[in-house]
Amino acid sequence: MTSSPLLGRSLHAAAELFNRNPWIDGRLTLLPRDEAPLYAEDGLWTHHGHTFVEDERFVRAYRRAVEAAGGDYGIRWRVHTML
């Protein structure tokens, strides 16, 4: 997938506009895709603390659950959190 320069400029402009809002305490920061590994699954996008996807015990357990369920629902974060 190629990135669109127009989309990139639009996202940066939207983040700048959001960050100028005096009524909002939070700030948006756009991260380049290549800068940090990104976990993007089940509606969660983060580059923080997703080493569980490399944990052999978790990977084996999740694989067994997928086989038992007959399909992968793509909910590794939820399963990890529940465990």
N, C-alpha and C. Protein backbone atom coordinates (compact mmCIF):
# COMPACT_ATOMS: atom_id res chain seq x y z
N MET A 1 0.85 -1.18 0.00
CA MET A 1 0.00 0.00 0.00
C MET A 1 0.89 1.23 0.00
N THR A 2 0.65 2.14 -0.89
CA THR A 2 1.42 3.37 -0.96
C THR A 2 0.71 4.47 -0.17
N SER A 3 1.49 5.37 0.36
CA SER A 3 0.89 6.46 1.13
C SER A 3 0.62 7.65 0.21
N SER A 4 -0.41 8.37 0.52
CA SER A 4 -0.80 9.53 -0.26
C SER A 4 -0.25 10.79 0.40
N PRO A 5 0.49 11.63 -0.37
CA PRO A 5 0.99 12.89 0.21
C PRO A 5 -0.16 13.78 0.71
N LEU A 6 -1.27 13.78 -0.02
CA LEU A 6 -2.42 14.59 0.38
C LEU A 6 -3.00 14.09 1.71
N LEU A 7 -3.09 12.78 1.85
CA LEU A 7 -3.60 12.22 3.11
C LEU A 7 -2.67 12.57 4.26
N GLY A 8 -1.34 12.46 4.04
CA GLY A 8 -0.38 12.80 5.09
C GLY A 8 -0.50 14.25 5.52
N ARG A 9 -0.59 15.14 4.55
CA ARG A 9 -0.75 16.57 4.88
C ARG A 9 -2.06 16.82 5.61
N SER A 10 -3.11 16.14 5.19
CA SER A 10 -4.42 16.31 5.84
C SER A 10 -4.39 15.84 7.28
N LEU A 11 -3.73 14.69 7.51
CA LEU A 11 -3.64 14.18 8.89
C LEU A 11 -2.84 15.11 9.78
N HIS A 12 -1.73 15.64 9.26
CA HIS A 12 -0.92 16.57 10.05
C HIS A 12 -1.71 17.85 10.34
N ALA A 13 -2.44 18.34 9.36
CA ALA A 13 -3.24 19.55 9.56
C ALA A 13 -4.34 19.30 10.61
N ALA A 14 -4.96 18.13 10.55
CA ALA A 14 -6.01 17.80 11.52
C ALA A 14 -5.42 17.69 12.93
N ALA A 15 -4.24 17.08 13.07
CA ALA A 15 -3.60 16.97 14.38
C ALA A 15 -3.24 18.35 14.92
N GLU A 16 -2.72 19.22 14.07
CA GLU A 16 -2.37 20.58 14.50
C GLU A 16 -3.62 21.34 14.95
N LEU A 17 -4.69 21.20 14.20
CA LEU A 17 -5.94 21.86 14.56
C LEU A 17 -6.46 21.35 15.90
N PHE A 18 -6.42 20.03 16.08
CA PHE A 18 -6.85 19.42 17.35
C PHE A 18 -6.00 19.94 18.50
N ASN A 19 -4.70 20.00 18.31
CA ASN A 19 -3.78 20.41 19.38
C ASN A 19 -3.90 21.89 19.74
N ARG A 20 -4.48 22.69 18.87
CA ARG A 20 -4.68 24.11 19.19
C ARG A 20 -5.94 24.36 20.02
N ASN A 21 -6.78 23.35 20.16
CA ASN A 21 -8.03 23.50 20.89
C ASN A 21 -7.73 23.70 22.38
N PRO A 22 -8.08 24.85 22.97
CA PRO A 22 -7.76 25.11 24.38
C PRO A 22 -8.63 24.30 25.35
N TRP A 23 -9.68 23.67 24.87
CA TRP A 23 -10.60 22.93 25.74
C TRP A 23 -10.23 21.46 25.88
N ILE A 24 -9.17 21.05 25.23
CA ILE A 24 -8.77 19.64 25.26
C ILE A 24 -7.41 19.52 25.93
N ASP A 25 -7.32 18.66 26.94
CA ASP A 25 -6.06 18.46 27.66
C ASP A 25 -5.08 17.60 26.87
N GLY A 26 -5.59 16.63 26.12
CA GLY A 26 -4.73 15.70 25.39
C GLY A 26 -4.15 16.31 24.13
N ARG A 27 -3.13 15.71 23.61
CA ARG A 27 -2.49 16.16 22.38
C ARG A 27 -2.29 14.95 21.47
N LEU A 28 -2.45 15.17 20.17
CA LEU A 28 -2.23 14.12 19.18
C LEU A 28 -0.81 14.19 18.66
N THR A 29 -0.20 13.04 18.49
CA THR A 29 1.11 12.94 17.88
C THR A 29 1.03 11.86 16.82
N LEU A 30 1.40 12.19 15.61
CA LEU A 30 1.41 11.20 14.54
C LEU A 30 2.78 10.54 14.50
N LEU A 31 2.78 9.21 14.50
CA LEU A 31 4.04 8.46 14.46
C LEU A 31 4.26 7.88 13.07
N PRO A 32 5.46 8.00 12.57
CA PRO A 32 5.77 7.35 11.29
C PRO A 32 5.63 5.83 11.46
N ARG A 33 5.14 5.16 10.47
CA ARG A 33 4.94 3.71 10.54
C ARG A 33 6.25 2.96 10.74
N ASP A 34 7.33 3.48 10.20
CA ASP A 34 8.60 2.76 10.27
C ASP A 34 9.35 2.98 11.59
N GLU A 35 8.90 3.93 12.40
CA GLU A 35 9.66 4.30 13.59
C GLU A 35 9.56 3.24 14.70
N ALA A 36 8.41 2.67 14.91
CA ALA A 36 8.24 1.71 15.99
C ALA A 36 7.32 0.59 15.51
N PRO A 37 7.53 -0.62 16.02
CA PRO A 37 6.60 -1.68 15.65
C PRO A 37 5.20 -1.34 16.14
N LEU A 38 4.23 -1.61 15.33
CA LEU A 38 2.87 -1.22 15.64
C LEU A 38 1.99 -2.44 15.81
N TYR A 39 1.23 -2.48 16.89
CA TYR A 39 0.22 -3.52 17.07
C TYR A 39 -1.09 -2.90 16.63
N ALA A 40 -1.68 -3.49 15.60
CA ALA A 40 -2.95 -2.98 15.07
C ALA A 40 -3.88 -4.16 14.84
N GLU A 41 -4.73 -4.41 15.82
CA GLU A 41 -5.64 -5.54 15.74
C GLU A 41 -6.82 -5.28 16.66
N ASP A 42 -7.99 -5.69 16.26
CA ASP A 42 -9.19 -5.62 17.10
C ASP A 42 -9.49 -4.19 17.55
N GLY A 43 -9.25 -3.22 16.68
CA GLY A 43 -9.56 -1.83 17.00
C GLY A 43 -8.54 -1.14 17.89
N LEU A 44 -7.45 -1.82 18.22
CA LEU A 44 -6.41 -1.24 19.07
C LEU A 44 -5.17 -1.00 18.23
N TRP A 45 -4.68 0.22 18.23
CA TRP A 45 -3.44 0.58 17.55
C TRP A 45 -2.50 1.14 18.60
N THR A 46 -1.35 0.49 18.77
CA THR A 46 -0.39 0.98 19.76
C THR A 46 1.01 0.50 19.42
N HIS A 47 1.98 1.23 19.87
CA HIS A 47 3.36 0.77 19.77
C HIS A 47 3.90 0.45 21.18
N HIS A 48 3.02 0.50 22.17
CA HIS A 48 3.39 0.22 23.56
C HIS A 48 3.10 -1.22 23.93
N GLY A 49 4.01 -1.86 24.60
CA GLY A 49 3.81 -3.12 25.29
C GLY A 49 3.00 -4.19 24.59
N HIS A 50 3.43 -4.64 23.43
CA HIS A 50 2.73 -5.74 22.80
C HIS A 50 3.68 -6.91 22.54
N THR A 51 4.61 -7.09 23.48
CA THR A 51 5.56 -8.20 23.36
C THR A 51 4.90 -9.55 23.59
N PHE A 52 3.68 -9.56 24.10
CA PHE A 52 2.98 -10.83 24.32
C PHE A 52 2.80 -11.60 23.02
N VAL A 53 2.79 -10.93 21.87
CA VAL A 53 2.61 -11.62 20.59
C VAL A 53 3.83 -12.46 20.24
N GLU A 54 4.94 -12.28 20.97
CA GLU A 54 6.15 -13.06 20.76
C GLU A 54 6.37 -14.08 21.86
N ASP A 55 5.52 -14.08 22.88
CA ASP A 55 5.64 -15.01 24.00
C ASP A 55 5.20 -16.40 23.53
N GLU A 56 6.14 -17.35 23.56
CA GLU A 56 5.86 -18.69 23.03
C GLU A 56 4.66 -19.36 23.71
N ARG A 57 4.56 -19.22 25.01
CA ARG A 57 3.44 -19.85 25.74
C ARG A 57 2.11 -19.26 25.29
N PHE A 58 2.06 -17.93 25.15
CA PHE A 58 0.82 -17.29 24.70
C PHE A 58 0.50 -17.69 23.26
N VAL A 59 1.50 -17.69 22.40
CA VAL A 59 1.28 -18.04 20.99
C VAL A 59 0.72 -19.46 20.87
N ARG A 60 1.28 -20.40 21.62
CA ARG A 60 0.77 -21.78 21.59
C ARG A 60 -0.66 -21.85 22.12
N ALA A 61 -0.92 -21.18 23.22
CA ALA A 61 -2.27 -21.20 23.81
C ALA A 61 -3.29 -20.56 22.87
N TYR A 62 -2.91 -19.46 22.25
CA TYR A 62 -3.84 -18.78 21.34
C TYR A 62 -4.10 -19.66 20.12
N ARG A 63 -3.05 -20.29 19.61
CA ARG A 63 -3.21 -21.19 18.46
C ARG A 63 -4.17 -22.33 18.79
N ARG A 64 -4.05 -22.91 19.99
CA ARG A 64 -4.98 -23.97 20.41
C ARG A 64 -6.40 -23.45 20.47
N ALA A 65 -6.58 -22.24 20.97
CA ALA A 65 -7.92 -21.64 21.05
C ALA A 65 -8.50 -21.41 19.67
N VAL A 66 -7.67 -20.95 18.74
CA VAL A 66 -8.13 -20.72 17.36
C VAL A 66 -8.58 -22.03 16.74
N GLU A 67 -7.78 -23.08 16.94
CA GLU A 67 -8.15 -24.40 16.41
C GLU A 67 -9.45 -24.90 17.02
N ALA A 68 -9.61 -24.71 18.31
CA ALA A 68 -10.84 -25.16 18.99
C ALA A 68 -12.06 -24.37 18.52
N ALA A 69 -11.86 -23.08 18.25
CA ALA A 69 -12.98 -22.23 17.83
C ALA A 69 -13.30 -22.39 16.35
N GLY A 70 -12.35 -22.93 15.59
CA GLY A 70 -12.56 -23.11 14.17
C GLY A 70 -12.26 -21.86 13.35
N GLY A 71 -11.61 -20.89 13.95
CA GLY A 71 -11.24 -19.66 13.23
C GLY A 71 -10.62 -18.65 14.16
N ASP A 72 -9.89 -17.73 13.58
CA ASP A 72 -9.22 -16.68 14.36
C ASP A 72 -10.05 -15.41 14.29
N TYR A 73 -10.50 -14.94 15.43
CA TYR A 73 -11.31 -13.72 15.50
C TYR A 73 -10.44 -12.47 15.60
N GLY A 74 -9.11 -12.64 15.66
CA GLY A 74 -8.20 -11.49 15.71
C GLY A 74 -8.33 -10.70 17.00
N ILE A 75 -8.41 -11.41 18.13
CA ILE A 75 -8.62 -10.73 19.42
C ILE A 75 -7.51 -11.08 20.42
N ARG A 76 -6.27 -11.13 19.93
CA ARG A 76 -5.16 -11.52 20.82
C ARG A 76 -5.04 -10.59 22.02
N TRP A 77 -5.21 -9.28 21.84
CA TRP A 77 -5.09 -8.35 22.97
C TRP A 77 -6.13 -8.65 24.04
N ARG A 78 -7.37 -8.88 23.62
CA ARG A 78 -8.43 -9.19 24.59
C ARG A 78 -8.12 -10.47 25.35
N VAL A 79 -7.69 -11.49 24.61
CA VAL A 79 -7.37 -12.77 25.25
C VAL A 79 -6.21 -12.58 26.23
N HIS A 80 -5.18 -11.89 25.80
CA HIS A 80 -4.03 -11.66 26.68
C HIS A 80 -4.44 -10.91 27.94
N THR A 81 -5.30 -9.89 27.79
CA THR A 81 -5.75 -9.11 28.93
C THR A 81 -6.55 -9.99 29.89
N MET A 82 -7.41 -10.84 29.35
CA MET A 82 -8.21 -11.71 30.21
C MET A 82 -7.36 -12.73 30.94
N LEU A 83 -6.33 -13.23 30.26
CA LEU A 83 -5.45 -14.21 30.91
C LEU A 83 -4.62 -13.57 31.98
